[in-house]
């Protein structure tokens, strides 16, 4: 089996959420899978986090990481926007 890189858009519950605190939590929750984190302005002061992580291409795939990310306080939604098989 190979590896899969997944890009996920994390939406905060509101504009007042401390994104830097969420970023630090992400780094603690998925340290080995994490590849990158970027901020993406949406509208009216709302900023999403774009997280790229790498997992083994197998049963369950990205589900475990998605669950960990959705459990972070301050995150409203977790949406996979792209997946790519790594060679």
C-alpha atoms as a PDB file:
ATOM      1  CA  UNK A   1       0.000   0.000   0.000  1.00  0.00           C
ATOM      2  CA  UNK A   2       0.996   3.590  -0.526  1.00  0.00           C
ATOM      3  CA  UNK A   3       0.191   6.871   1.114  1.00  0.00           C
ATOM      4  CA  UNK A   4      -2.534   9.423   0.518  1.00  0.00           C
ATOM      5  CA  UNK A   5      -2.251  13.189   0.952  1.00  0.00           C
ATOM      6  CA  UNK A   6      -5.559  14.750   1.961  1.00  0.00           C
ATOM      7  CA  UNK A   7      -6.442  18.434   1.987  1.00  0.00           C
ATOM      8  CA  UNK A   8      -9.075  19.441   4.528  1.00  0.00           C
ATOM      9  CA  UNK A   9     -10.871  22.746   5.062  1.00  0.00           C
ATOM     10  CA  UNK A  10     -11.604  23.406   8.732  1.00  0.00           C
ATOM     11  CA  UNK A  11     -14.227  26.051   9.425  1.00  0.00           C
ATOM     12  CA  UNK A  12     -14.230  27.722  12.843  1.00  0.00           C
ATOM     13  CA  UNK A  13     -17.482  28.161  14.764  1.00  0.00           C
ATOM     14  CA  UNK A  14     -17.227  31.962  14.438  1.00  0.00           C
ATOM     15  CA  UNK A  15     -14.852  34.842  13.660  1.00  0.00           C
ATOM     16  CA  UNK A  16     -13.775  35.208  17.298  1.00  0.00           C
ATOM     17  CA  UNK A  17     -12.102  31.785  17.522  1.00  0.00           C
ATOM     18  CA  UNK A  18      -8.364  31.891  18.276  1.00  0.00           C
ATOM     19  CA  UNK A  19      -6.969  30.228  15.139  1.00  0.00           C
ATOM     20  CA  UNK A  20      -3.414  30.205  16.482  1.00  0.00           C
ATOM     21  CA  UNK A  21      -4.608  28.113  19.438  1.00  0.00           C
ATOM     22  CA  UNK A  22      -6.380  25.727  17.052  1.00  0.00           C
ATOM     23  CA  UNK A  23      -3.225  25.439  14.937  1.00  0.00           C
ATOM     24  CA  UNK A  24      -1.198  24.489  18.017  1.00  0.00           C
ATOM     25  CA  UNK A  25      -3.842  21.906  18.947  1.00  0.00           C
ATOM     26  CA  UNK A  26      -3.721  20.412  15.429  1.00  0.00           C
ATOM     27  CA  UNK A  27       0.061  20.084  15.723  1.00  0.00           C
ATOM     28  CA  UNK A  28      -0.416  18.117  18.970  1.00  0.00           C
ATOM     29  CA  UNK A  29      -3.328  15.955  17.773  1.00  0.00           C
ATOM     30  CA  UNK A  30      -1.859  14.777  14.433  1.00  0.00           C
ATOM     31  CA  UNK A  31       1.899  15.458  14.655  1.00  0.00           C
ATOM     32  CA  UNK A  32       3.042  12.556  12.482  1.00  0.00           C
ATOM     33  CA  UNK A  33       0.394  12.915   9.780  1.00  0.00           C
ATOM     34  CA  UNK A  34       0.538  16.720   9.481  1.00  0.00           C
ATOM     35  CA  UNK A  35       2.165  18.181   6.384  1.00  0.00           C
ATOM     36  CA  UNK A  36       1.029  21.836   6.352  1.00  0.00           C
ATOM     37  CA  UNK A  37      -1.489  24.366   7.672  1.00  0.00           C
ATOM     38  CA  UNK A  38      -2.518  27.589   5.944  1.00  0.00           C
ATOM     39  CA  UNK A  39      -5.094  30.270   6.719  1.00  0.00           C
ATOM     40  CA  UNK A  40      -7.632  31.080   3.990  1.00  0.00           C
ATOM     41  CA  UNK A  41      -9.804  34.201   4.311  1.00  0.00           C
ATOM     42  CA  UNK A  42     -13.449  33.410   3.506  1.00  0.00           C
ATOM     43  CA  UNK A  43     -15.619  36.506   4.092  1.00  0.00           C
ATOM     44  CA  UNK A  44     -16.566  39.059   6.734  1.00  0.00           C
ATOM     45  CA  UNK A  45     -13.526  38.254   8.884  1.00  0.00           C
ATOM     46  CA  UNK A  46     -14.069  34.496   8.818  1.00  0.00           C
ATOM     47  CA  UNK A  47     -10.884  32.534   8.146  1.00  0.00           C
ATOM     48  CA  UNK A  48     -10.699  28.805   7.364  1.00  0.00           C
ATOM     49  CA  UNK A  49      -7.722  26.570   8.030  1.00  0.00           C
ATOM     50  CA  UNK A  50      -6.465  24.473   5.126  1.00  0.00           C
ATOM     51  CA  UNK A  51      -4.732  21.393   6.533  1.00  0.00           C
ATOM     52  CA  UNK A  52      -2.787  18.878   4.469  1.00  0.00           C
ATOM     53  CA  UNK A  53      -1.977  15.524   6.059  1.00  0.00           C
ATOM     54  CA  UNK A  54      -0.594  12.191   4.889  1.00  0.00           C
ATOM     55  CA  UNK A  55      -1.979   8.781   5.894  1.00  0.00           C
ATOM     56  CA  UNK A  56      -1.572   5.185   4.747  1.00  0.00           C
ATOM     57  CA  UNK A  57      -3.824   4.167   1.863  1.00  0.00           C
ATOM     58  CA  UNK A  58      -5.840   1.496   3.580  1.00  0.00           C
ATOM     59  CA  UNK A  59      -9.117   0.705   5.236  1.00  0.00           C
ATOM     60  CA  UNK A  60     -10.501   3.723   7.040  1.00  0.00           C
ATOM     61  CA  UNK A  61      -8.199   6.056   5.123  1.00  0.00           C
ATOM     62  CA  UNK A  62      -8.631   9.576   6.444  1.00  0.00           C
ATOM     63  CA  UNK A  63     -11.478   8.854   8.881  1.00  0.00           C
ATOM     64  CA  UNK A  64      -9.355   8.696  12.041  1.00  0.00           C
ATOM     65  CA  UNK A  65      -7.638  12.023  11.328  1.00  0.00           C
ATOM     66  CA  UNK A  66     -10.957  13.634  10.333  1.00  0.00           C
ATOM     67  CA  UNK A  67     -12.449  12.528  13.667  1.00  0.00           C
ATOM     68  CA  UNK A  68      -9.498  13.970  15.617  1.00  0.00           C
ATOM     69  CA  UNK A  69      -9.805  17.286  13.768  1.00  0.00           C
ATOM     70  CA  UNK A  70     -13.582  17.512  14.239  1.00  0.00           C
ATOM     71  CA  UNK A  71     -13.160  16.956  17.989  1.00  0.00           C
ATOM     72  CA  UNK A  72     -11.030  20.123  18.357  1.00  0.00           C
ATOM     73  CA  UNK A  73     -12.851  22.835  20.273  1.00  0.00           C
ATOM     74  CA  UNK A  74     -13.727  25.767  18.021  1.00  0.00           C
ATOM     75  CA  UNK A  75     -14.038  23.751  14.797  1.00  0.00           C
ATOM     76  CA  UNK A  76     -17.462  23.774  13.162  1.00  0.00           C
ATOM     77  CA  UNK A  77     -16.937  21.633  10.056  1.00  0.00           C
ATOM     78  CA  UNK A  78     -14.269  19.408   8.523  1.00  0.00           C
ATOM     79  CA  UNK A  79     -14.468  19.038   4.739  1.00  0.00           C
ATOM     80  CA  UNK A  80     -12.057  17.030   2.591  1.00  0.00           C
ATOM     81  CA  UNK A  81     -11.417  19.116  -0.512  1.00  0.00           C
ATOM     82  CA  UNK A  82      -8.768  16.954  -2.213  1.00  0.00           C
ATOM     83  CA  UNK A  83      -7.029  13.594  -1.937  1.00  0.00           C
ATOM     84  CA  UNK A  84      -3.998  12.446  -3.884  1.00  0.00           C
ATOM     85  CA  UNK A  85      -2.191   9.129  -3.886  1.00  0.00           C
ATOM     86  CA  UNK A  86       1.542   9.566  -3.284  1.00  0.00           C
ATOM     87  CA  UNK A  87       4.024   7.498  -5.226  1.00  0.00           C
END
